């Protein structure tokens, strides 16, 4: 009789495959990494790997989903029940800046994923889904601030969310290309510009002073 394979065991095997693939993709790139490379590096049989992922593309997409889930979970875990919308956005920005400064394998893979998305239809669909999830997450925080009177009611939550995502992604790509930044200055400038335009009029001066004091 074959031994029973538990859900925990299957999850551990899946996690091992993902970790191995993440390291190889980050080191050699998506196209230069083959499933045979992953099999060899992982020390598992082809059957074990294909039992979890039907292709290299499927594995790459799973890594991307895991990375987004990790970022959002880290942000939610950083929030406290008494946080204002402004404080939530500042914490979210800090987590993003920290990851850009100290990229892990999955983050490096994600940068390549953005590049490859225009070439592989399934990547393009998934990146839109990822973008929508991140966009919705930020928009909800901004809407919360508007509802509570913390942010001006006339601001466009969707537009600001798009601007924040574009800024973070742009900085990540430039860093990957070898650019060097004074992260504290960039973070400070972004937050001051952002909140000067978002905070309700009676809070603008107070908010800008508070941000500067925290940077």
N, C-alpha and C. Protein backbone atom coordinates (compact mmCIF):
# COMPACT_ATOMS: atom_id res chain seq x y z
N UNK A 1 0.84 -1.20 0.00
CA UNK A 1 0.00 0.00 0.00
C UNK A 1 0.88 1.25 0.00
N UNK A 2 0.56 2.19 -0.86
CA UNK A 2 1.33 3.43 -0.95
C UNK A 2 1.06 4.30 0.28
N UNK A 3 2.08 4.93 0.79
CA UNK A 3 1.86 5.81 1.94
C UNK A 3 0.97 6.98 1.57
N UNK A 4 0.15 7.42 2.53
CA UNK A 4 -0.77 8.53 2.28
C UNK A 4 0.01 9.85 2.20
N UNK A 5 -0.28 10.61 1.15
CA UNK A 5 0.36 11.91 0.97
C UNK A 5 -0.52 12.98 1.59
N UNK A 6 -0.03 13.64 2.62
CA UNK A 6 -0.83 14.64 3.32
C UNK A 6 -0.81 15.96 2.58
N UNK A 7 -1.79 16.80 2.90
CA UNK A 7 -1.85 18.13 2.31
C UNK A 7 -0.62 18.94 2.71
N UNK A 8 -0.16 18.75 3.94
CA UNK A 8 1.01 19.48 4.41
C UNK A 8 2.25 19.10 3.59
N UNK A 9 2.38 17.82 3.30
CA UNK A 9 3.52 17.35 2.52
C UNK A 9 3.47 17.94 1.11
N UNK A 10 2.29 17.90 0.50
CA UNK A 10 2.15 18.46 -0.86
C UNK A 10 2.47 19.95 -0.87
N UNK A 11 2.04 20.67 0.16
CA UNK A 11 2.32 22.10 0.23
C UNK A 11 3.81 22.35 0.40
N UNK A 12 4.47 21.52 1.20
CA UNK A 12 5.91 21.68 1.40
C UNK A 12 6.67 21.44 0.10
N UNK A 13 6.23 20.44 -0.66
CA UNK A 13 6.88 20.15 -1.95
C UNK A 13 6.65 21.31 -2.90
N UNK A 14 5.41 21.82 -2.93
CA UNK A 14 5.10 22.95 -3.81
C UNK A 14 5.94 24.18 -3.46
N UNK A 15 6.07 24.44 -2.17
CA UNK A 15 6.86 25.58 -1.72
C UNK A 15 8.33 25.42 -2.11
N UNK A 16 8.84 24.20 -2.03
CA UNK A 16 10.23 23.93 -2.40
C UNK A 16 10.45 24.18 -3.89
N UNK A 17 9.50 23.75 -4.71
CA UNK A 17 9.60 23.96 -6.16
C UNK A 17 9.58 25.46 -6.47
N UNK A 18 8.67 26.18 -5.83
CA UNK A 18 8.57 27.63 -6.07
C UNK A 18 9.84 28.35 -5.65
N UNK A 19 10.39 27.98 -4.50
CA UNK A 19 11.61 28.63 -4.02
C UNK A 19 12.78 28.37 -4.96
N UNK A 20 12.87 27.16 -5.45
CA UNK A 20 13.95 26.81 -6.38
C UNK A 20 13.79 27.57 -7.70
N UNK A 21 12.58 27.56 -8.23
CA UNK A 21 12.32 28.26 -9.49
C UNK A 21 12.57 29.76 -9.35
N UNK A 22 12.16 30.33 -8.23
CA UNK A 22 12.36 31.76 -7.99
C UNK A 22 13.84 32.11 -8.04
N UNK A 23 14.66 31.30 -7.39
CA UNK A 23 16.10 31.55 -7.37
C UNK A 23 16.70 31.44 -8.78
N UNK A 24 16.28 30.44 -9.54
CA UNK A 24 16.81 30.24 -10.89
C UNK A 24 16.35 31.34 -11.84
N UNK A 25 15.08 31.72 -11.77
CA UNK A 25 14.57 32.78 -12.63
C UNK A 25 15.29 34.10 -12.35
N UNK A 26 15.51 34.37 -11.06
CA UNK A 26 16.19 35.61 -10.68
C UNK A 26 17.64 35.60 -11.13
N UNK A 27 18.26 34.44 -11.10
CA UNK A 27 19.67 34.32 -11.44
C UNK A 27 19.91 34.31 -12.96
N UNK A 28 19.08 33.53 -13.68
CA UNK A 28 19.34 33.31 -15.11
C UNK A 28 18.30 33.93 -16.04
N UNK A 29 17.16 34.33 -15.48
CA UNK A 29 16.10 34.86 -16.33
C UNK A 29 15.10 33.78 -16.72
N UNK A 30 13.93 34.22 -17.15
CA UNK A 30 12.86 33.28 -17.48
C UNK A 30 13.22 32.41 -18.68
N UNK A 31 13.64 33.01 -19.78
CA UNK A 31 13.88 32.25 -20.99
C UNK A 31 15.07 31.30 -20.87
N UNK A 32 16.09 31.70 -20.11
CA UNK A 32 17.29 30.88 -19.98
C UNK A 32 17.13 29.73 -18.99
N UNK A 33 16.03 29.72 -18.25
CA UNK A 33 15.77 28.67 -17.27
C UNK A 33 14.80 27.65 -17.85
N UNK A 34 15.16 26.39 -17.81
CA UNK A 34 14.29 25.33 -18.33
C UNK A 34 13.70 24.54 -17.16
N UNK A 35 12.68 23.77 -17.46
CA UNK A 35 12.11 22.90 -16.44
C UNK A 35 13.13 21.86 -15.99
N UNK A 36 14.00 21.42 -16.90
CA UNK A 36 15.06 20.48 -16.52
C UNK A 36 16.01 21.11 -15.50
N UNK A 37 16.28 22.41 -15.68
CA UNK A 37 17.13 23.12 -14.71
C UNK A 37 16.48 23.09 -13.33
N UNK A 38 15.18 23.33 -13.32
CA UNK A 38 14.44 23.35 -12.05
C UNK A 38 14.43 21.97 -11.41
N UNK A 39 14.23 20.92 -12.24
CA UNK A 39 14.24 19.55 -11.75
C UNK A 39 15.60 19.23 -11.12
N UNK A 40 16.67 19.58 -11.82
CA UNK A 40 18.02 19.29 -11.35
C UNK A 40 18.33 20.03 -10.05
N UNK A 41 17.99 21.30 -10.01
CA UNK A 41 18.29 22.13 -8.83
C UNK A 41 17.45 21.72 -7.63
N UNK A 42 16.22 21.33 -7.90
CA UNK A 42 15.27 21.03 -6.82
C UNK A 42 15.53 19.65 -6.21
N UNK A 43 16.06 18.72 -7.02
CA UNK A 43 16.30 17.38 -6.51
C UNK A 43 15.07 16.51 -6.47
N UNK A 44 14.01 16.93 -7.15
CA UNK A 44 12.78 16.15 -7.22
C UNK A 44 12.65 15.55 -8.62
N UNK A 45 11.77 14.57 -8.75
CA UNK A 45 11.54 13.97 -10.06
C UNK A 45 10.70 14.89 -10.94
N UNK A 46 10.76 14.67 -12.26
CA UNK A 46 9.93 15.46 -13.17
C UNK A 46 8.46 15.27 -12.84
N UNK A 47 8.10 14.02 -12.48
CA UNK A 47 6.71 13.74 -12.15
C UNK A 47 6.23 14.54 -10.97
N UNK A 48 7.09 14.69 -9.97
CA UNK A 48 6.72 15.46 -8.77
C UNK A 48 6.48 16.92 -9.12
N UNK A 49 7.33 17.48 -9.98
CA UNK A 49 7.19 18.89 -10.35
C UNK A 49 5.99 19.11 -11.26
N UNK A 50 5.84 18.24 -12.27
CA UNK A 50 4.70 18.41 -13.17
C UNK A 50 3.38 18.05 -12.50
N UNK A 51 3.46 17.37 -11.37
CA UNK A 51 2.24 17.10 -10.62
C UNK A 51 1.69 18.35 -9.95
N UNK A 52 2.55 19.37 -9.81
CA UNK A 52 2.14 20.65 -9.21
C UNK A 52 2.00 21.76 -10.25
N UNK A 53 2.85 21.72 -11.26
CA UNK A 53 2.85 22.78 -12.27
C UNK A 53 2.96 22.16 -13.66
N UNK A 54 2.01 22.49 -14.51
CA UNK A 54 1.96 21.85 -15.82
C UNK A 54 3.02 22.37 -16.79
N UNK A 55 3.60 23.53 -16.49
CA UNK A 55 4.60 24.11 -17.39
C UNK A 55 5.43 25.15 -16.65
N UNK A 56 6.51 25.58 -17.29
CA UNK A 56 7.33 26.66 -16.73
C UNK A 56 6.50 27.93 -16.62
N UNK A 57 5.66 28.17 -17.59
CA UNK A 57 4.80 29.35 -17.58
C UNK A 57 3.87 29.33 -16.37
N UNK A 58 3.29 28.15 -16.10
CA UNK A 58 2.39 28.00 -14.97
C UNK A 58 3.12 28.25 -13.65
N UNK A 59 4.36 27.80 -13.58
CA UNK A 59 5.17 27.99 -12.38
C UNK A 59 5.50 29.47 -12.19
N UNK A 60 5.83 30.12 -13.28
CA UNK A 60 6.17 31.54 -13.24
C UNK A 60 4.98 32.37 -12.75
N UNK A 61 3.78 32.02 -13.24
CA UNK A 61 2.57 32.74 -12.83
C UNK A 61 2.28 32.51 -11.35
N UNK A 62 2.52 31.30 -10.88
CA UNK A 62 2.30 30.99 -9.46
C UNK A 62 3.22 31.83 -8.58
N UNK A 63 4.46 32.03 -9.02
CA UNK A 63 5.39 32.88 -8.28
C UNK A 63 4.89 34.31 -8.20
N UNK A 64 4.37 34.79 -9.31
CA UNK A 64 3.86 36.16 -9.35
C UNK A 64 2.69 36.34 -8.39
N UNK A 65 1.78 35.38 -8.38
CA UNK A 65 0.63 35.45 -7.47
C UNK A 65 1.08 35.43 -6.02
N UNK A 66 2.07 34.60 -5.74
CA UNK A 66 2.58 34.49 -4.37
C UNK A 66 3.20 35.79 -3.91
N UNK A 67 3.90 36.46 -4.83
CA UNK A 67 4.56 37.73 -4.48
C UNK A 67 3.54 38.81 -4.15
N UNK A 68 2.50 38.92 -4.98
CA UNK A 68 1.47 39.92 -4.72
C UNK A 68 0.74 39.64 -3.41
N UNK A 69 0.42 38.37 -3.18
CA UNK A 69 -0.26 37.99 -1.94
C UNK A 69 0.60 38.34 -0.73
N UNK A 70 1.90 38.12 -0.84
CA UNK A 70 2.81 38.40 0.26
C UNK A 70 2.85 39.90 0.57
N UNK A 71 2.91 40.73 -0.48
CA UNK A 71 2.96 42.18 -0.28
C UNK A 71 1.70 42.68 0.42
N UNK A 72 0.54 42.27 -0.10
CA UNK A 72 -0.73 42.74 0.48
C UNK A 72 -0.90 42.24 1.91
N UNK A 73 -0.52 40.99 2.16
CA UNK A 73 -0.62 40.45 3.53
C UNK A 73 0.30 41.20 4.48
N UNK A 74 1.50 41.55 4.01
CA UNK A 74 2.44 42.32 4.85
C UNK A 74 1.86 43.69 5.18
N UNK A 75 1.20 44.30 4.19
CA UNK A 75 0.60 45.61 4.43
C UNK A 75 -0.54 45.51 5.43
N UNK A 76 -1.40 44.54 5.24
CA UNK A 76 -2.54 44.38 6.16
C UNK A 76 -2.04 44.10 7.58
N UNK A 77 -0.98 43.30 7.69
CA UNK A 77 -0.43 42.97 9.01
C UNK A 77 0.18 44.20 9.68
N UNK A 78 0.66 45.14 8.86
CA UNK A 78 1.29 46.35 9.42
C UNK A 78 0.25 47.35 9.90
N UNK A 79 -0.97 47.24 9.41
CA UNK A 79 -2.03 48.17 9.80
C UNK A 79 -2.55 47.83 11.19
N UNK A 80 -2.84 48.86 11.96
CA UNK A 80 -3.48 48.66 13.25
C UNK A 80 -4.91 49.19 13.17
N UNK A 81 -5.80 48.71 14.06
CA UNK A 81 -7.21 49.12 13.99
C UNK A 81 -7.41 50.63 14.07
N UNK A 82 -6.51 51.34 14.72
CA UNK A 82 -6.68 52.78 14.91
C UNK A 82 -5.97 53.62 13.84
N UNK A 83 -5.35 52.97 12.87
CA UNK A 83 -4.64 53.71 11.82
C UNK A 83 -5.60 54.55 10.99
N UNK A 84 -5.19 55.76 10.70
CA UNK A 84 -5.94 56.58 9.76
C UNK A 84 -5.60 56.11 8.34
N UNK A 85 -6.34 56.61 7.36
CA UNK A 85 -6.05 56.27 5.97
C UNK A 85 -4.66 56.77 5.58
N UNK A 86 -4.30 57.96 6.07
CA UNK A 86 -2.97 58.50 5.79
C UNK A 86 -1.88 57.59 6.33
N UNK A 87 -2.07 57.11 7.55
CA UNK A 87 -1.08 56.22 8.16
C UNK A 87 -0.97 54.90 7.41
N UNK A 88 -2.11 54.40 6.92
CA UNK A 88 -2.08 53.16 6.14
C UNK A 88 -1.30 53.34 4.84
N UNK A 89 -1.53 54.46 4.16
CA UNK A 89 -0.80 54.72 2.92
C UNK A 89 0.69 54.87 3.18
N UNK A 90 1.05 55.53 4.28
CA UNK A 90 2.46 55.70 4.62
C UNK A 90 3.11 54.35 4.91
N UNK A 91 2.41 53.48 5.60
CA UNK A 91 2.95 52.15 5.89
C UNK A 91 3.08 51.33 4.61
N UNK A 92 2.07 51.44 3.74
CA UNK A 92 2.13 50.71 2.47
C UNK A 92 3.31 51.19 1.64
N UNK A 93 3.52 52.51 1.62
CA UNK A 93 4.64 53.07 0.87
C UNK A 93 5.97 52.60 1.46
N UNK A 94 6.07 52.55 2.77
CA UNK A 94 7.31 52.12 3.42
C UNK A 94 7.63 50.67 3.07
N UNK A 95 6.61 49.81 3.04
CA UNK A 95 6.83 48.41 2.69
C UNK A 95 7.33 48.29 1.25
N UNK A 96 6.72 49.05 0.35
CA UNK A 96 7.15 49.04 -1.06
C UNK A 96 8.58 49.54 -1.20
N UNK A 97 8.89 50.66 -0.55
CA UNK A 97 10.24 51.21 -0.65
C UNK A 97 11.26 50.24 -0.06
N UNK A 98 10.90 49.58 1.02
CA UNK A 98 11.81 48.62 1.64
C UNK A 98 12.09 47.46 0.70
N UNK A 99 11.06 47.01 0.00
CA UNK A 99 11.25 45.88 -0.91
C UNK A 99 12.07 46.28 -2.13
N UNK A 100 11.89 47.51 -2.60
CA UNK A 100 12.67 47.98 -3.73
C UNK A 100 14.15 48.09 -3.34
N UNK A 101 14.39 48.58 -2.12
CA UNK A 101 15.78 48.74 -1.66
C UNK A 101 16.45 47.39 -1.44
N UNK A 102 15.67 46.41 -0.97
CA UNK A 102 16.23 45.09 -0.65
C UNK A 102 15.43 44.01 -1.37
N UNK A 103 15.56 43.94 -2.69
CA UNK A 103 14.74 43.01 -3.46
C UNK A 103 15.08 41.55 -3.19
N UNK A 104 14.05 40.72 -3.05
CA UNK A 104 14.28 39.29 -2.94
C UNK A 104 14.14 38.66 -4.33
N UNK A 105 14.31 37.35 -4.40
CA UNK A 105 14.25 36.68 -5.70
C UNK A 105 12.91 36.88 -6.38
N UNK A 106 11.83 36.78 -5.60
CA UNK A 106 10.49 36.89 -6.20
C UNK A 106 10.27 38.28 -6.78
N UNK A 107 10.77 39.32 -6.08
CA UNK A 107 10.62 40.68 -6.60
C UNK A 107 11.38 40.84 -7.91
N UNK A 108 12.58 40.27 -7.98
CA UNK A 108 13.36 40.33 -9.23
C UNK A 108 12.63 39.60 -10.35
N UNK A 109 12.01 38.48 -10.01
CA UNK A 109 11.24 37.74 -11.00
C UNK A 109 10.06 38.56 -11.48
N UNK A 110 9.42 39.29 -10.57
CA UNK A 110 8.27 40.10 -10.92
C UNK A 110 8.64 41.18 -11.93
N UNK A 111 9.81 41.78 -11.77
CA UNK A 111 10.24 42.79 -12.73
C UNK A 111 10.36 42.19 -14.12
N UNK A 112 10.89 40.98 -14.20
CA UNK A 112 10.98 40.32 -15.50
C UNK A 112 9.58 39.97 -16.01
N UNK A 113 8.71 39.62 -15.09
CA UNK A 113 7.33 39.28 -15.43
C UNK A 113 6.65 40.45 -16.13
N UNK A 114 6.88 41.67 -15.65
CA UNK A 114 6.31 42.85 -16.31
C UNK A 114 6.81 42.95 -17.75
N UNK A 115 8.10 42.68 -17.93
CA UNK A 115 8.69 42.78 -19.27
C UNK A 115 8.13 41.70 -20.19
N UNK A 116 8.02 40.48 -19.67
CA UNK A 116 7.57 39.37 -20.49
C UNK A 116 6.07 39.41 -20.78
N UNK A 117 5.31 40.17 -20.02
CA UNK A 117 3.86 40.15 -20.14
C UNK A 117 3.37 40.55 -21.53
N UNK A 118 4.12 41.40 -22.22
CA UNK A 118 3.70 41.84 -23.55
C UNK A 118 3.95 40.77 -24.62
N UNK A 119 4.73 39.74 -24.25
CA UNK A 119 5.09 38.70 -25.21
C UNK A 119 4.30 37.41 -25.03
N UNK A 120 3.78 37.21 -23.83
CA UNK A 120 3.05 35.97 -23.53
C UNK A 120 1.62 36.33 -23.12
N UNK A 121 0.62 35.91 -23.91
CA UNK A 121 -0.78 36.29 -23.63
C UNK A 121 -1.24 35.99 -22.20
N UNK A 122 -0.88 34.83 -21.68
CA UNK A 122 -1.34 34.48 -20.34
C UNK A 122 -0.70 35.39 -19.29
N UNK A 123 0.52 35.85 -19.53
CA UNK A 123 1.18 36.79 -18.63
C UNK A 123 0.45 38.12 -18.65
N UNK A 124 0.07 38.55 -19.84
CA UNK A 124 -0.59 39.84 -19.99
C UNK A 124 -1.91 39.87 -19.24
N UNK A 125 -2.66 38.78 -19.32
CA UNK A 125 -3.94 38.69 -18.61
C UNK A 125 -3.72 38.70 -17.10
N UNK A 126 -2.70 37.96 -16.66
CA UNK A 126 -2.46 37.86 -15.23
C UNK A 126 -1.93 39.18 -14.65
N UNK A 127 -1.11 39.88 -15.43
CA UNK A 127 -0.57 41.13 -14.91
C UNK A 127 -1.68 42.16 -14.76
N UNK A 128 -2.69 42.09 -15.64
CA UNK A 128 -3.83 42.99 -15.49
C UNK A 128 -4.60 42.66 -14.22
N UNK A 129 -4.73 41.37 -13.94
CA UNK A 129 -5.41 40.94 -12.71
C UNK A 129 -4.64 41.41 -11.48
N UNK A 130 -3.31 41.27 -11.52
CA UNK A 130 -2.47 41.72 -10.42
C UNK A 130 -2.62 43.22 -10.21
N UNK A 131 -2.57 43.94 -11.32
CA UNK A 131 -2.68 45.40 -11.25
C UNK A 131 -4.02 45.79 -10.64
N UNK A 132 -5.08 45.14 -11.08
CA UNK A 132 -6.43 45.46 -10.57
C UNK A 132 -6.52 45.23 -9.07
N UNK A 133 -5.91 44.15 -8.58
CA UNK A 133 -5.95 43.85 -7.15
C UNK A 133 -5.21 44.92 -6.34
N UNK A 134 -4.00 45.27 -6.80
CA UNK A 134 -3.21 46.28 -6.10
C UNK A 134 -3.89 47.64 -6.16
N UNK A 135 -4.45 47.94 -7.33
CA UNK A 135 -5.14 49.22 -7.53
C UNK A 135 -6.35 49.33 -6.61
N UNK A 136 -7.11 48.26 -6.52
CA UNK A 136 -8.29 48.23 -5.66
C UNK A 136 -7.90 48.39 -4.19
N UNK A 137 -6.82 47.75 -3.80
CA UNK A 137 -6.35 47.82 -2.42
C UNK A 137 -6.05 49.27 -2.02
N UNK A 138 -5.33 49.99 -2.88
CA UNK A 138 -4.98 51.38 -2.58
C UNK A 138 -6.20 52.30 -2.69
N UNK A 139 -7.02 52.06 -3.69
CA UNK A 139 -8.22 52.90 -3.88
C UNK A 139 -9.15 52.83 -2.68
N UNK A 140 -9.27 51.64 -2.10
CA UNK A 140 -10.16 51.47 -0.94
C UNK A 140 -9.65 52.26 0.26
N UNK A 141 -8.33 52.32 0.42
CA UNK A 141 -7.76 53.11 1.52
C UNK A 141 -8.05 54.60 1.30
N UNK A 142 -7.88 55.05 0.06
CA UNK A 142 -8.13 56.46 -0.25
C UNK A 142 -9.61 56.79 -0.08
N UNK A 143 -10.48 55.89 -0.52
CA UNK A 143 -11.92 56.09 -0.35
C UNK A 143 -12.29 56.16 1.13
N UNK A 144 -11.62 55.34 1.93
CA UNK A 144 -11.85 55.36 3.38
C UNK A 144 -11.51 56.73 3.95
N UNK A 145 -10.37 57.29 3.50
CA UNK A 145 -9.97 58.61 3.97
C UNK A 145 -10.94 59.69 3.55
N UNK A 146 -11.49 59.58 2.35
CA UNK A 146 -12.49 60.55 1.88
C UNK A 146 -13.77 60.45 2.71
N UNK A 147 -14.20 59.24 2.98
CA UNK A 147 -15.42 59.02 3.74
C UNK A 147 -15.32 59.57 5.15
N UNK A 148 -14.14 59.47 5.75
CA UNK A 148 -13.94 59.94 7.12
C UNK A 148 -13.59 61.42 7.20
N UNK A 149 -13.49 62.07 6.03
CA UNK A 149 -13.17 63.49 6.02
C UNK A 149 -11.71 63.79 6.16
N UNK A 150 -10.88 62.76 6.07
CA UNK A 150 -9.44 62.93 6.20
C UNK A 150 -8.85 63.47 4.90
N UNK A 151 -9.37 62.98 3.77
CA UNK A 151 -8.95 63.43 2.46
C UNK A 151 -10.05 64.25 1.80
N UNK A 152 -9.67 65.12 0.89
CA UNK A 152 -10.64 65.94 0.18
C UNK A 152 -11.58 65.06 -0.64
N UNK A 153 -12.86 65.38 -0.60
CA UNK A 153 -13.85 64.56 -1.30
C UNK A 153 -13.70 64.63 -2.82
N UNK A 154 -13.09 65.72 -3.32
CA UNK A 154 -12.99 65.88 -4.76
C UNK A 154 -11.85 65.12 -5.42
N UNK A 155 -10.98 64.47 -4.64
CA UNK A 155 -9.85 63.78 -5.25
C UNK A 155 -10.32 62.50 -5.93
N UNK A 156 -9.59 62.09 -6.95
CA UNK A 156 -9.92 60.90 -7.73
C UNK A 156 -9.12 59.72 -7.19
N UNK A 157 -9.80 58.83 -6.49
CA UNK A 157 -9.11 57.69 -5.87
C UNK A 157 -8.43 56.80 -6.89
N UNK A 158 -9.10 56.55 -8.02
CA UNK A 158 -8.54 55.69 -9.05
C UNK A 158 -7.27 56.30 -9.64
N UNK A 159 -7.31 57.60 -9.92
CA UNK A 159 -6.16 58.26 -10.53
C UNK A 159 -4.96 58.26 -9.58
N UNK A 160 -5.21 58.53 -8.31
CA UNK A 160 -4.11 58.57 -7.33
C UNK A 160 -3.52 57.18 -7.14
N UNK A 161 -4.39 56.17 -7.10
CA UNK A 161 -3.91 54.80 -6.98
C UNK A 161 -3.02 54.42 -8.16
N UNK A 162 -3.44 54.81 -9.36
CA UNK A 162 -2.64 54.53 -10.57
C UNK A 162 -1.30 55.25 -10.50
N UNK A 163 -1.30 56.48 -10.03
CA UNK A 163 -0.07 57.27 -9.93
C UNK A 163 0.90 56.63 -8.94
N UNK A 164 0.38 56.16 -7.81
CA UNK A 164 1.24 55.53 -6.82
C UNK A 164 1.88 54.25 -7.36
N UNK A 165 1.07 53.43 -8.02
CA UNK A 165 1.59 52.18 -8.58
C UNK A 165 2.63 52.44 -9.66
N UNK A 166 2.36 53.43 -10.51
CA UNK A 166 3.30 53.77 -11.58
C UNK A 166 4.62 54.26 -11.00
N UNK A 167 4.55 55.04 -9.94
CA UNK A 167 5.77 55.56 -9.31
C UNK A 167 6.62 54.44 -8.73
N UNK A 168 5.98 53.54 -8.00
CA UNK A 168 6.71 52.43 -7.38
C UNK A 168 7.33 51.54 -8.45
N UNK A 169 6.56 51.22 -9.48
CA UNK A 169 7.07 50.34 -10.53
C UNK A 169 8.21 51.01 -11.30
N UNK A 170 8.06 52.30 -11.55
CA UNK A 170 9.10 53.02 -12.27
C UNK A 170 10.41 53.02 -11.50
N UNK A 171 10.33 53.27 -10.20
CA UNK A 171 11.53 53.26 -9.37
C UNK A 171 12.17 51.87 -9.34
N UNK A 172 11.32 50.83 -9.28
CA UNK A 172 11.84 49.47 -9.24
C UNK A 172 12.58 49.12 -10.53
N UNK A 173 12.03 49.52 -11.66
CA UNK A 173 12.68 49.25 -12.94
C UNK A 173 14.01 49.99 -13.06
N UNK A 174 14.03 51.26 -12.66
CA UNK A 174 15.26 52.05 -12.72
C UNK A 174 16.34 51.45 -11.81
N UNK A 175 15.93 50.98 -10.65
CA UNK A 175 16.88 50.36 -9.74
C UNK A 175 17.47 49.10 -10.35
N UNK A 176 16.60 48.32 -11.01
CA UNK A 176 17.03 47.08 -11.65
C UNK A 176 18.04 47.37 -12.78
N UNK A 177 17.93 48.56 -13.37
CA UNK A 177 18.84 48.96 -14.45
C UNK A 177 20.15 49.53 -13.91
N UNK A 178 20.27 49.61 -12.58
CA UNK A 178 21.52 50.06 -11.99
C UNK A 178 21.50 51.47 -11.43
N UNK A 179 20.37 52.15 -11.52
CA UNK A 179 20.28 53.51 -11.00
C UNK A 179 20.37 53.49 -9.47
N UNK A 180 20.96 54.56 -8.91
CA UNK A 180 21.05 54.70 -7.46
C UNK A 180 20.23 55.89 -7.02
N UNK A 181 19.49 55.71 -5.92
CA UNK A 181 18.60 56.76 -5.43
C UNK A 181 18.88 57.05 -3.96
N UNK A 182 18.57 58.29 -3.58
CA UNK A 182 18.50 58.63 -2.17
C UNK A 182 17.07 58.33 -1.76
N UNK A 183 16.86 57.12 -1.23
CA UNK A 183 15.50 56.65 -1.00
C UNK A 183 14.73 57.51 -0.01
N UNK A 184 15.40 57.99 1.01
CA UNK A 184 14.70 58.80 2.01
C UNK A 184 14.20 60.11 1.39
N UNK A 185 15.00 60.72 0.53
CA UNK A 185 14.58 61.95 -0.13
C UNK A 185 13.41 61.70 -1.08
N UNK A 186 13.49 60.60 -1.82
CA UNK A 186 12.41 60.28 -2.76
C UNK A 186 11.12 59.98 -2.00
N UNK A 187 11.24 59.19 -0.94
CA UNK A 187 10.06 58.86 -0.15
C UNK A 187 9.46 60.13 0.45
N UNK A 188 10.30 60.98 0.99
CA UNK A 188 9.81 62.21 1.60
C UNK A 188 9.12 63.11 0.60
N UNK A 189 9.73 63.25 -0.60
CA UNK A 189 9.14 64.11 -1.62
C UNK A 189 7.79 63.56 -2.09
N UNK A 190 7.73 62.26 -2.29
CA UNK A 190 6.49 61.64 -2.76
C UNK A 190 5.37 61.82 -1.74
N UNK A 191 5.67 61.56 -0.49
CA UNK A 191 4.62 61.65 0.53
C UNK A 191 4.15 63.08 0.75
N UNK A 192 5.07 64.03 0.72
CA UNK A 192 4.67 65.42 0.89
C UNK A 192 3.79 65.88 -0.26
N UNK A 193 4.22 65.58 -1.49
CA UNK A 193 3.42 65.97 -2.67
C UNK A 193 2.06 65.28 -2.64
N UNK A 194 2.07 64.01 -2.30
CA UNK A 194 0.83 63.24 -2.26
C UNK A 194 -0.16 63.81 -1.26
N UNK A 195 0.29 63.99 -0.02
CA UNK A 195 -0.63 64.40 1.02
C UNK A 195 -0.98 65.89 0.96
N UNK A 196 -0.10 66.71 0.42
CA UNK A 196 -0.46 68.11 0.23
C UNK A 196 -1.66 68.23 -0.70
N UNK A 197 -1.76 67.32 -1.64
CA UNK A 197 -2.86 67.36 -2.58
C UNK A 197 -4.10 66.60 -2.13
N UNK A 198 -3.94 65.73 -1.14
CA UNK A 198 -5.05 64.87 -0.74
C UNK A 198 -5.73 65.30 0.55
N UNK A 199 -4.96 65.78 1.51
CA UNK A 199 -5.54 66.08 2.82
C UNK A 199 -6.59 67.17 2.73
N UNK A 200 -7.62 67.03 3.54
CA UNK A 200 -8.65 68.06 3.61
C UNK A 200 -7.99 69.38 3.98
N UNK A 201 -8.51 70.50 3.49
CA UNK A 201 -7.87 71.80 3.62
C UNK A 201 -7.42 72.11 5.05
N UNK A 202 -8.24 71.81 6.02
CA UNK A 202 -7.91 72.15 7.40
C UNK A 202 -6.75 71.31 7.94
N UNK A 203 -6.43 70.19 7.24
CA UNK A 203 -5.36 69.32 7.71
C UNK A 203 -4.08 69.47 6.90
N UNK A 204 -4.14 70.19 5.79
CA UNK A 204 -3.00 70.22 4.86
C UNK A 204 -1.72 70.68 5.53
N UNK A 205 -1.76 71.84 6.17
CA UNK A 205 -0.55 72.37 6.79
C UNK A 205 -0.08 71.47 7.92
N UNK A 206 -1.01 71.02 8.72
CA UNK A 206 -0.67 70.14 9.83
C UNK A 206 -0.13 68.82 9.33
N UNK A 207 -0.76 68.29 8.24
CA UNK A 207 -0.35 67.00 7.70
C UNK A 207 1.04 67.05 7.12
N UNK A 208 1.38 68.12 6.40
CA UNK A 208 2.70 68.23 5.79
C UNK A 208 3.77 68.30 6.87
N UNK A 209 3.50 69.05 7.92
CA UNK A 209 4.46 69.15 9.02
C UNK A 209 4.68 67.82 9.69
N UNK A 210 3.58 67.05 9.87
CA UNK A 210 3.65 65.76 10.50
C UNK A 210 4.46 64.77 9.67
N UNK A 211 4.26 64.80 8.35
CA UNK A 211 4.99 63.91 7.46
C UNK A 211 6.48 64.23 7.52
N UNK A 212 6.82 65.49 7.43
CA UNK A 212 8.22 65.87 7.47
C UNK A 212 8.90 65.44 8.76
N UNK A 213 8.15 65.50 9.84
CA UNK A 213 8.72 65.11 11.13
C UNK A 213 8.96 63.62 11.23
N UNK A 214 8.21 62.86 10.42
CA UNK A 214 8.33 61.40 10.49
C UNK A 214 9.40 60.87 9.54
N UNK A 215 9.88 61.71 8.63
CA UNK A 215 10.84 61.26 7.62
C UNK A 215 12.27 61.53 8.05
